[in-house]
Amino acid sequence: MNNNQATIQKLETMKLRGMAHAFRVGLEGGLAKEVSPEELLSHLVEAEWDERYNRKLARLIKQARFRIPAVFEHIDYGFKRGLDRQTMLRLSDCRWVESHRDIIISGPCGVGKSFVACALGHQACVHGNRVGYFSASKLFSNLKLCRADGSYAREMARIQKHAVVIVDDFGLEKLDAPSRMSMLEILEDRHQDSSTIIVSQFPVAQWHPLIGEPTIADAICDRIVHSAHRIELKGESVRKLEAVKTRKEDGGSS
């Protein structure tokens, strides 16, 4: 075994996979002979940084369990649904996560609310944040089970570890007493400490009857409504419009 092979083996043993791969490729391409030692070292460090960043990003995305594999670059602003490009560009730097701001996305069925929410969540992962995506009905059903088996506190602690929590389809089912209290507890623990994205077919003005108990509804809304960024979508279903567009492109009738 020559010195270069020994170096690669040691890098891999130390789990410096990015460096090992870059060094191996560099040797095969003659890079080590073309650049200075300082430039080679910089190249290897950059390769290791990229490798670790990509592994972390892949892990964060997997752990988030997004319903839709959405990214910012794939957001379509061509549909007339009230989605402002400049607003989304401002949110893309994820300062709203750093400043613990919340986001409310509302609008009728099919206008792409979940896609936008998942794209925002993916962007938060890109910036190194831990994100959790939850369907409201599944979230509250699971928390009820956790209350029953004694794991409620542990599950709530797990939820609170996320820098961003996405609650999708909020309000499709009216909240019962346990769900109201769970929602209040989630928002209370996260208020001014982390960020929450709530996605709902219903505008904020209609949330009170969906939540139920007026006092609890006031407390829930008070913790998220007033300081949240609002994305209010409108218009026809994007799925319907895309289907019409596809039929036209295929030469079919609309």
C-alpha atoms as a PDB file:
ATOM      1  CA  MET A   1       0.000   0.000   0.000  1.00  0.00           C
ATOM      2  CA  ASN A   2       1.452   3.365  -1.044  1.00  0.00           C
ATOM      3  CA  ASN A   3       1.210   6.573   0.982  1.00  0.00           C
ATOM      4  CA  ASN A   4      -1.778   7.920  -0.936  1.00  0.00           C
ATOM      5  CA  GLN A   5      -3.794   4.734  -0.427  1.00  0.00           C
ATOM      6  CA  ALA A   6      -2.902   4.770   3.266  1.00  0.00           C
ATOM      7  CA  THR A   7      -4.053   8.389   3.508  1.00  0.00           C
ATOM      8  CA  ILE A   8      -7.393   7.561   1.864  1.00  0.00           C
ATOM      9  CA  GLN A   9      -7.862   4.613   4.212  1.00  0.00           C
ATOM     10  CA  LYS A  10      -7.150   6.783   7.252  1.00  0.00           C
ATOM     11  CA  LEU A  11      -9.592   9.466   6.035  1.00  0.00           C
ATOM     12  CA  GLU A  12     -12.299   6.835   5.624  1.00  0.00           C
ATOM     13  CA  THR A  13     -11.516   5.367   9.049  1.00  0.00           C
ATOM     14  CA  MET A  14     -11.952   8.850  10.555  1.00  0.00           C
ATOM     15  CA  LYS A  15     -15.255   9.089   8.596  1.00  0.00           C
ATOM     16  CA  LEU A  16     -13.949  11.986   6.499  1.00  0.00           C
ATOM     17  CA  ARG A  17     -15.710  10.525   3.483  1.00  0.00           C
ATOM     18  CA  GLY A  18     -15.905  13.774   1.558  1.00  0.00           C
ATOM     19  CA  MET A  19     -12.174  14.326   1.860  1.00  0.00           C
ATOM     20  CA  ALA A  20     -11.411  10.717   0.973  1.00  0.00           C
ATOM     21  CA  HIS A  21     -13.564  10.826  -2.157  1.00  0.00           C
ATOM     22  CA  ALA A  22     -12.189  14.208  -3.273  1.00  0.00           C
ATOM     23  CA  PHE A  23      -8.598  13.074  -2.658  1.00  0.00           C
ATOM     24  CA  ARG A  24      -9.152   9.863  -4.630  1.00  0.00           C
ATOM     25  CA  VAL A  25     -10.755  11.737  -7.545  1.00  0.00           C
ATOM     26  CA  GLY A  26      -8.033  14.383  -7.378  1.00  0.00           C
ATOM     27  CA  LEU A  27      -5.302  11.753  -7.629  1.00  0.00           C
ATOM     28  CA  GLU A  28      -6.979  10.117 -10.605  1.00  0.00           C
ATOM     29  CA  GLY A  29      -7.339  13.468 -12.367  1.00  0.00           C
ATOM     30  CA  GLY A  30      -3.911  14.747 -11.504  1.00  0.00           C
ATOM     31  CA  LEU A  31      -5.282  17.602  -9.390  1.00  0.00           C
ATOM     32  CA  ALA A  32      -2.655  17.196  -6.661  1.00  0.00           C
ATOM     33  CA  LYS A  33       0.059  17.967  -9.198  1.00  0.00           C
ATOM     34  CA  GLU A  34      -1.740  21.025 -10.641  1.00  0.00           C
ATOM     35  CA  VAL A  35      -2.509  23.002  -7.485  1.00  0.00           C
ATOM     36  CA  SER A  36      -0.572  24.212  -4.457  1.00  0.00           C
ATOM     37  CA  PRO A  37      -0.778  22.341  -1.121  1.00  0.00           C
ATOM     38  CA  GLU A  38      -2.931  25.196   0.250  1.00  0.00           C
ATOM     39  CA  GLU A  39      -5.361  24.949  -2.681  1.00  0.00           C
ATOM     40  CA  LEU A  40      -5.526  21.172  -2.359  1.00  0.00           C
ATOM     41  CA  LEU A  41      -6.267  21.424   1.349  1.00  0.00           C
ATOM     42  CA  SER A  42      -8.974  24.025   0.684  1.00  0.00           C
ATOM     43  CA  HIS A  43     -10.508  21.739  -1.952  1.00  0.00           C
ATOM     44  CA  LEU A  44     -10.538  18.755   0.412  1.00  0.00           C
ATOM     45  CA  VAL A  45     -12.061  20.753   3.280  1.00  0.00           C
ATOM     46  CA  GLU A  46     -14.748  22.128   0.951  1.00  0.00           C
ATOM     47  CA  ALA A  47     -15.527  18.611  -0.251  1.00  0.00           C
ATOM     48  CA  GLU A  48     -15.851  17.353   3.323  1.00  0.00           C
ATOM     49  CA  TRP A  49     -18.104  20.284   4.249  1.00  0.00           C
ATOM     50  CA  ASP A  50     -20.353  19.598   1.239  1.00  0.00           C
ATOM     51  CA  GLU A  51     -20.512  15.896   2.063  1.00  0.00           C
ATOM     52  CA  ARG A  52     -21.531  16.518   5.663  1.00  0.00           C
ATOM     53  CA  TYR A  53     -24.025  19.225   4.697  1.00  0.00           C
ATOM     54  CA  ASN A  54     -25.693  16.975   2.109  1.00  0.00           C
ATOM     55  CA  ARG A  55     -25.913  14.083   4.568  1.00  0.00           C
ATOM     56  CA  LYS A  56     -27.438  16.343   7.196  1.00  0.00           C
ATOM     57  CA  LEU A  57     -29.920  17.814   4.720  1.00  0.00           C
ATOM     58  CA  ALA A  58     -30.990  14.361   3.555  1.00  0.00           C
ATOM     59  CA  ARG A  59     -31.475  13.316   7.176  1.00  0.00           C
ATOM     60  CA  LEU A  60     -33.510  16.433   8.039  1.00  0.00           C
ATOM     61  CA  ILE A  61     -35.758  15.965   5.003  1.00  0.00           C
ATOM     62  CA  LYS A  62     -36.306  12.290   5.817  1.00  0.00           C
ATOM     63  CA  GLN A  63     -37.105  13.056   9.455  1.00  0.00           C
ATOM     64  CA  ALA A  64     -39.526  15.838   8.490  1.00  0.00           C
ATOM     65  CA  ARG A  65     -41.787  13.344   6.665  1.00  0.00           C
ATOM     66  CA  PHE A  66     -43.191  15.893   4.258  1.00  0.00           C
ATOM     67  CA  ARG A  67     -46.361  14.763   2.510  1.00  0.00           C
ATOM     68  CA  ILE A  68     -45.193  16.449  -0.700  1.00  0.00           C
ATOM     69  CA  PRO A  69     -41.548  16.562  -1.934  1.00  0.00           C
ATOM     70  CA  ALA A  70     -41.833  20.296  -2.643  1.00  0.00           C
ATOM     71  CA  VAL A  71     -38.969  22.747  -3.115  1.00  0.00           C
ATOM     72  CA  PHE A  72     -38.954  26.515  -3.604  1.00  0.00           C
ATOM     73  CA  GLU A  73     -37.672  26.247  -7.167  1.00  0.00           C
ATOM     74  CA  HIS A  74     -40.782  24.301  -8.190  1.00  0.00           C
ATOM     75  CA  ILE A  75     -43.365  26.802  -6.921  1.00  0.00           C
ATOM     76  CA  ASP A  76     -45.498  27.899  -9.874  1.00  0.00           C
ATOM     77  CA  TYR A  77     -46.436  31.585  -9.821  1.00  0.00           C
ATOM     78  CA  GLY A  78     -48.263  31.343 -13.148  1.00  0.00           C
ATOM     79  CA  PHE A  79     -51.573  30.325 -11.587  1.00  0.00           C
ATOM     80  CA  LYS A  80     -53.800  33.176 -10.426  1.00  0.00           C
ATOM     81  CA  ARG A  81     -54.128  32.253  -6.771  1.00  0.00           C
ATOM     82  CA  GLY A  82     -52.760  35.294  -4.934  1.00  0.00           C
ATOM     83  CA  LEU A  83     -49.322  33.844  -4.258  1.00  0.00           C
ATOM     84  CA  ASP A  84     -46.885  36.750  -4.235  1.00  0.00           C
ATOM     85  CA  ARG A  85     -43.420  35.949  -5.571  1.00  0.00           C
ATOM     86  CA  GLN A  86     -41.716  38.714  -3.568  1.00  0.00           C
ATOM     87  CA  THR A  87     -43.270  37.519  -0.316  1.00  0.00           C
ATOM     88  CA  MET A  88     -42.030  33.992  -0.962  1.00  0.00           C
ATOM     89  CA  LEU A  89     -38.562  35.241  -1.867  1.00  0.00           C
ATOM     90  CA  ARG A  90     -38.394  37.136   1.434  1.00  0.00           C
ATOM     91  CA  LEU A  91     -39.407  33.988   3.299  1.00  0.00           C
ATOM     92  CA  SER A  92     -36.836  31.883   1.438  1.00  0.00           C
ATOM     93  CA  ASP A  93     -33.964  33.219   3.564  1.00  0.00           C
ATOM     94  CA  CYS A  94     -35.634  31.621   6.627  1.00  0.00           C
ATOM     95  CA  ARG A  95     -35.140  34.643   8.859  1.00  0.00           C
ATOM     96  CA  TRP A  96     -38.690  33.965   9.992  1.00  0.00           C
ATOM     97  CA  VAL A  97     -37.345  30.786  11.593  1.00  0.00           C
ATOM     98  CA  GLU A  98     -34.454  32.635  13.236  1.00  0.00           C
ATOM     99  CA  SER A  99     -36.868  35.233  14.645  1.00  0.00           C
ATOM    100  CA  HIS A 100     -39.394  32.553  15.700  1.00  0.00           C
ATOM    101  CA  ARG A 101     -42.177  33.890  13.482  1.00  0.00           C
ATOM    102  CA  ASP A 102     -45.158  31.770  12.489  1.00  0.00           C
ATOM    103  CA  ILE A 103     -46.895  31.396   9.121  1.00  0.00           C
ATOM    104  CA  ILE A 104     -50.585  30.881   8.363  1.00  0.00           C
ATOM    105  CA  ILE A 105     -51.495  29.551   4.924  1.00  0.00           C
ATOM    106  CA  SER A 106     -55.199  29.602   4.083  1.00  0.00           C
ATOM    107  CA  GLY A 107     -57.309  29.096   0.979  1.00  0.00           C
ATOM    108  CA  PRO A 108     -59.787  26.743  -0.682  1.00  0.00           C
ATOM    109  CA  CYS A 109     -59.113  23.113  -1.496  1.00  0.00           C
ATOM    110  CA  GLY A 110     -56.612  22.447  -4.259  1.00  0.00           C
ATOM    111  CA  VAL A 111     -54.864  25.817  -4.514  1.00  0.00           C
ATOM    112  CA  GLY A 112     -51.511  24.393  -3.406  1.00  0.00           C
ATOM    113  CA  LYS A 113     -51.434  25.259   0.299  1.00  0.00           C
ATOM    114  CA  SER A 114     -49.708  22.037   1.312  1.00  0.00           C
ATOM    115  CA  PHE A 115     -47.164  22.363  -1.499  1.00  0.00           C
ATOM    116  CA  VAL A 116     -46.249  25.879  -0.349  1.00  0.00           C
ATOM    117  CA  ALA A 117     -46.035  24.726   3.285  1.00  0.00           C
ATOM    118  CA  CYS A 118     -43.785  21.780   2.390  1.00  0.00           C
ATOM    119  CA  ALA A 119     -41.610  24.045   0.219  1.00  0.00           C
ATOM    120  CA  LEU A 120     -41.196  26.397   3.184  1.00  0.00           C
ATOM    121  CA  GLY A 121     -40.380  23.426   5.395  1.00  0.00           C
ATOM    122  CA  HIS A 122     -37.862  22.085   2.891  1.00  0.00           C
ATOM    123  CA  GLN A 123     -36.215  25.508   2.730  1.00  0.00           C
ATOM    124  CA  ALA A 124     -35.968  25.514   6.532  1.00  0.00           C
ATOM    125  CA  CYS A 125     -34.174  22.146   6.267  1.00  0.00           C
ATOM    126  CA  VAL A 126     -31.795  23.637   3.683  1.00  0.00           C
ATOM    127  CA  HIS A 127     -30.900  26.232   6.317  1.00  0.00           C
ATOM    128  CA  GLY A 128     -30.166  23.480   8.840  1.00  0.00           C
ATOM    129  CA  ASN A 129     -33.402  23.503  10.838  1.00  0.00           C
ATOM    130  CA  ARG A 130     -35.234  20.491  12.173  1.00  0.00           C
ATOM    131  CA  VAL A 131     -38.756  20.386  10.729  1.00  0.00           C
ATOM    132  CA  GLY A 132     -41.773  18.208  11.471  1.00  0.00           C
ATOM    133  CA  TYR A 133     -44.787  17.830   9.174  1.00  0.00           C
ATOM    134  CA  PHE A 134     -48.059  16.703  10.752  1.00  0.00           C
ATOM    135  CA  SER A 135     -51.557  16.205   9.428  1.00  0.00           C
ATOM    136  CA  ALA A 136     -53.840  17.796  12.032  1.00  0.00           C
ATOM    137  CA  SER A 137     -56.177  14.788  12.287  1.00  0.00           C
ATOM    138  CA  LYS A 138     -53.305  12.293  12.635  1.00  0.00           C
ATOM    139  CA  LEU A 139     -51.462  14.557  15.064  1.00  0.00           C
ATOM    140  CA  PHE A 140     -54.384  14.863  17.466  1.00  0.00           C
ATOM    141  CA  SER A 141     -55.363  11.204  17.125  1.00  0.00           C
ATOM    142  CA  ASN A 142     -51.819  10.162  17.986  1.00  0.00           C
ATOM    143  CA  LEU A 143     -51.694  12.524  20.973  1.00  0.00           C
ATOM    144  CA  LYS A 144     -54.905  10.974  22.312  1.00  0.00           C
ATOM    145  CA  LEU A 145     -53.290   7.553  22.127  1.00  0.00           C
ATOM    146  CA  CYS A 146     -50.246   8.949  23.881  1.00  0.00           C
ATOM    147  CA  ARG A 147     -52.444  10.271  26.687  1.00  0.00           C
ATOM    148  CA  ALA A 148     -53.882   6.783  27.083  1.00  0.00           C
ATOM    149  CA  ASP A 149     -50.563   4.914  27.191  1.00  0.00           C
ATOM    150  CA  GLY A 150     -48.679   7.446  29.299  1.00  0.00           C
ATOM    151  CA  SER A 151     -46.291   8.658  26.587  1.00  0.00           C
ATOM    152  CA  TYR A 152     -47.958  12.055  26.089  1.00  0.00           C
ATOM    153  CA  ALA A 153     -45.255  14.147  27.772  1.00  0.00           C
ATOM    154  CA  ARG A 154     -42.511  12.377  25.824  1.00  0.00           C
ATOM    155  CA  GLU A 155     -44.325  12.853  22.518  1.00  0.00           C
ATOM    156  CA  MET A 156     -44.980  16.535  23.198  1.00  0.00           C
ATOM    157  CA  ALA A 157     -41.309  16.998  24.045  1.00  0.00           C
ATOM    158  CA  ARG A 158     -40.391  15.360  20.725  1.00  0.00           C
ATOM    159  CA  ILE A 159     -42.678  17.737  18.838  1.00  0.00           C
ATOM    160  CA  GLN A 160     -41.256  20.773  20.608  1.00  0.00           C
ATOM    161  CA  LYS A 161     -37.697  19.891  19.556  1.00  0.00           C
ATOM    162  CA  HIS A 162     -38.535  20.905  15.989  1.00  0.00           C
ATOM    163  CA  ALA A 163     -37.513  24.398  14.949  1.00  0.00           C
ATOM    164  CA  VAL A 164     -40.497  24.364  12.589  1.00  0.00           C
ATOM    165  CA  VAL A 165     -43.728  22.415  13.004  1.00  0.00           C
ATOM    166  CA  ILE A 166     -46.199  22.232  10.106  1.00  0.00           C
ATOM    167  CA  VAL A 167     -49.815  21.465  11.030  1.00  0.00           C
ATOM    168  CA  ASP A 168     -51.654  20.718   7.776  1.00  0.00           C
ATOM    169  CA  ASP A 169     -55.419  20.563   7.157  1.00  0.00           C
ATOM    170  CA  PHE A 170     -56.182  22.400  10.386  1.00  0.00           C
ATOM    171  CA  GLY A 171     -59.926  22.756  10.918  1.00  0.00           C
ATOM    172  CA  LEU A 172     -61.122  19.952   8.641  1.00  0.00           C
ATOM    173  CA  GLU A 173     -62.422  18.336  11.811  1.00  0.00           C
ATOM    174  CA  LYS A 174     -63.707  20.407  14.718  1.00  0.00           C
ATOM    175  CA  LEU A 175     -61.452  20.061  17.734  1.00  0.00           C
ATOM    176  CA  ASP A 176     -62.710  18.176  20.744  1.00  0.00           C
ATOM    177  CA  ALA A 177     -61.585  19.035  24.271  1.00  0.00           C
ATOM    178  CA  PRO A 178     -58.352  16.951  24.308  1.00  0.00           C
ATOM    179  CA  SER A 179     -57.339  18.219  20.865  1.00  0.00           C
ATOM    180  CA  ARG A 180     -57.992  21.833  21.860  1.00  0.00           C
ATOM    181  CA  MET A 181     -55.775  21.484  24.882  1.00  0.00           C
ATOM    182  CA  SER A 182     -53.036  19.756  22.870  1.00  0.00           C
ATOM    183  CA  MET A 183     -53.096  22.511  20.260  1.00  0.00           C
ATOM    184  CA  LEU A 184     -52.919  25.175  22.949  1.00  0.00           C
ATOM    185  CA  GLU A 185     -50.039  23.390  24.668  1.00  0.00           C
ATOM    186  CA  ILE A 186     -48.093  23.053  21.401  1.00  0.00           C
ATOM    187  CA  LEU A 187     -48.483  26.747  20.605  1.00  0.00           C
ATOM    188  CA  GLU A 188     -47.841  27.840  24.187  1.00  0.00           C
ATOM    189  CA  ASP A 189     -44.554  25.938  24.309  1.00  0.00           C
ATOM    190  CA  ARG A 190     -43.489  27.238  20.888  1.00  0.00           C
ATOM    191  CA  HIS A 191     -44.633  30.857  21.263  1.00  0.00           C
ATOM    192  CA  GLN A 192     -41.685  33.228  20.658  1.00  0.00           C
ATOM    193  CA  ASP A 193     -39.298  30.263  20.928  1.00  0.00           C
ATOM    194  CA  SER A 194     -39.764  28.396  17.624  1.00  0.00           C
ATOM    195  CA  SER A 195     -41.923  28.528  14.500  1.00  0.00           C
ATOM    196  CA  THR A 196     -45.213  26.950  13.461  1.00  0.00           C
ATOM    197  CA  ILE A 197     -46.883  26.796  10.055  1.00  0.00           C
ATOM    198  CA  ILE A 198     -50.637  26.246  10.117  1.00  0.00           C
ATOM    199  CA  VAL A 199     -52.380  25.279   6.888  1.00  0.00           C
ATOM    200  CA  SER A 200     -56.161  25.571   6.709  1.00  0.00           C
ATOM    201  CA  GLN A 201     -58.979  25.747   4.189  1.00  0.00           C
ATOM    202  CA  PHE A 202     -60.655  28.227   6.503  1.00  0.00           C
ATOM    203  CA  PRO A 203     -59.707  31.887   6.992  1.00  0.00           C
ATOM    204  CA  VAL A 204     -58.630  32.910  10.474  1.00  0.00           C
ATOM    205  CA  ALA A 205     -61.973  34.677  11.023  1.00  0.00           C
ATOM    206  CA  GLN A 206     -63.681  31.255  10.985  1.00  0.00           C
ATOM    207  CA  TRP A 207     -61.326  29.472  13.368  1.00  0.00           C
ATOM    208  CA  HIS A 208     -63.201  30.123  16.603  1.00  0.00           C
ATOM    209  CA  PRO A 209     -66.150  27.791  15.905  1.00  0.00           C
ATOM    210  CA  LEU A 210     -63.747  25.140  14.560  1.00  0.00           C
ATOM    211  CA  ILE A 211     -61.707  25.207  17.753  1.00  0.00           C
ATOM    212  CA  GLY A 212     -64.770  25.272  19.982  1.00  0.00           C
ATOM    213  CA  GLU A 213     -64.492  26.515  23.573  1.00  0.00           C
ATOM    214  CA  PRO A 214     -64.307  30.352  23.215  1.00  0.00           C
ATOM    215  CA  THR A 215     -61.719  30.854  25.950  1.00  0.00           C
ATOM    216  CA  ILE A 216     -59.390  28.222  24.512  1.00  0.00           C
ATOM    217  CA  ALA A 217     -60.011  29.499  20.977  1.00  0.00           C
ATOM    218  CA  ASP A 218     -59.013  33.001  22.082  1.00  0.00           C
ATOM    219  CA  ALA A 219     -55.843  31.647  23.694  1.00  0.00           C
ATOM    220  CA  ILE A 220     -54.889  29.593  20.610  1.00  0.00           C
ATOM    221  CA  CYS A 221     -55.494  32.453  18.173  1.00  0.00           C
ATOM    222  CA  ASP A 222     -53.722  34.950  20.413  1.00  0.00           C
ATOM    223  CA  ARG A 223     -50.527  32.880  20.281  1.00  0.00           C
ATOM    224  CA  ILE A 224     -50.297  32.631  16.517  1.00  0.00           C
ATOM    225  CA  VAL A 225     -52.598  34.956  14.596  1.00  0.00           C
ATOM    226  CA  HIS A 226     -51.353  38.431  15.474  1.00  0.00           C
ATOM    227  CA  SER A 227     -47.647  38.053  14.666  1.00  0.00           C
ATOM    228  CA  ALA A 228     -47.811  35.438  11.903  1.00  0.00           C
ATOM    229  CA  HIS A 229     -46.999  35.947   8.252  1.00  0.00           C
ATOM    230  CA  ARG A 230     -50.212  35.403   6.285  1.00  0.00           C
ATOM    231  CA  ILE A 231     -50.376  33.678   2.913  1.00  0.00           C
ATOM    232  CA  GLU A 232     -53.988  33.830   1.746  1.00  0.00           C
ATOM    233  CA  LEU A 233     -54.534  31.867  -1.450  1.00  0.00           C
ATOM    234  CA  LYS A 234     -57.616  31.933  -3.640  1.00  0.00           C
ATOM    235  CA  GLY A 235     -58.881  30.828  -7.031  1.00  0.00           C
ATOM    236  CA  GLU A 236     -59.582  27.483  -8.656  1.00  0.00           C
ATOM    237  CA  SER A 237     -57.952  24.181  -7.840  1.00  0.00           C
ATOM    238  CA  VAL A 238     -54.414  23.997  -9.227  1.00  0.00           C
ATOM    239  CA  ARG A 239     -54.958  20.299  -9.906  1.00  0.00           C
ATOM    240  CA  LYS A 240     -58.006  21.143 -12.022  1.00  0.00           C
ATOM    241  CA  LEU A 241     -56.163  23.889 -13.918  1.00  0.00           C
ATOM    242  CA  GLU A 242     -53.173  21.605 -14.525  1.00  0.00           C
ATOM    243  CA  ALA A 243     -55.507  18.893 -15.849  1.00  0.00           C
ATOM    244  CA  VAL A 244     -57.135  21.385 -18.245  1.00  0.00           C
ATOM    245  CA  LYS A 245     -53.706  22.599 -19.371  1.00  0.00           C
ATOM    246  CA  THR A 246     -52.542  19.029 -19.995  1.00  0.00           C
ATOM    247  CA  ARG A 247     -55.646  18.198 -22.042  1.00  0.00           C
ATOM    248  CA  LYS A 248     -55.126  21.305 -24.171  1.00  0.00           C
ATOM    249  CA  GLU A 249     -51.470  20.438 -24.749  1.00  0.00           C
ATOM    250  CA  ASP A 250     -52.515  16.898 -25.739  1.00  0.00           C
ATOM    251  CA  GLY A 251     -55.073  18.329 -28.166  1.00  0.00           C
ATOM    252  CA  GLY A 252     -58.075  17.231 -26.150  1.00  0.00           C
ATOM    253  CA  SER A 253     -61.154  19.241 -25.264  1.00  0.00           C
ATOM    254  CA  SER A 254     -61.253  21.532 -22.206  1.00  0.00           C
END
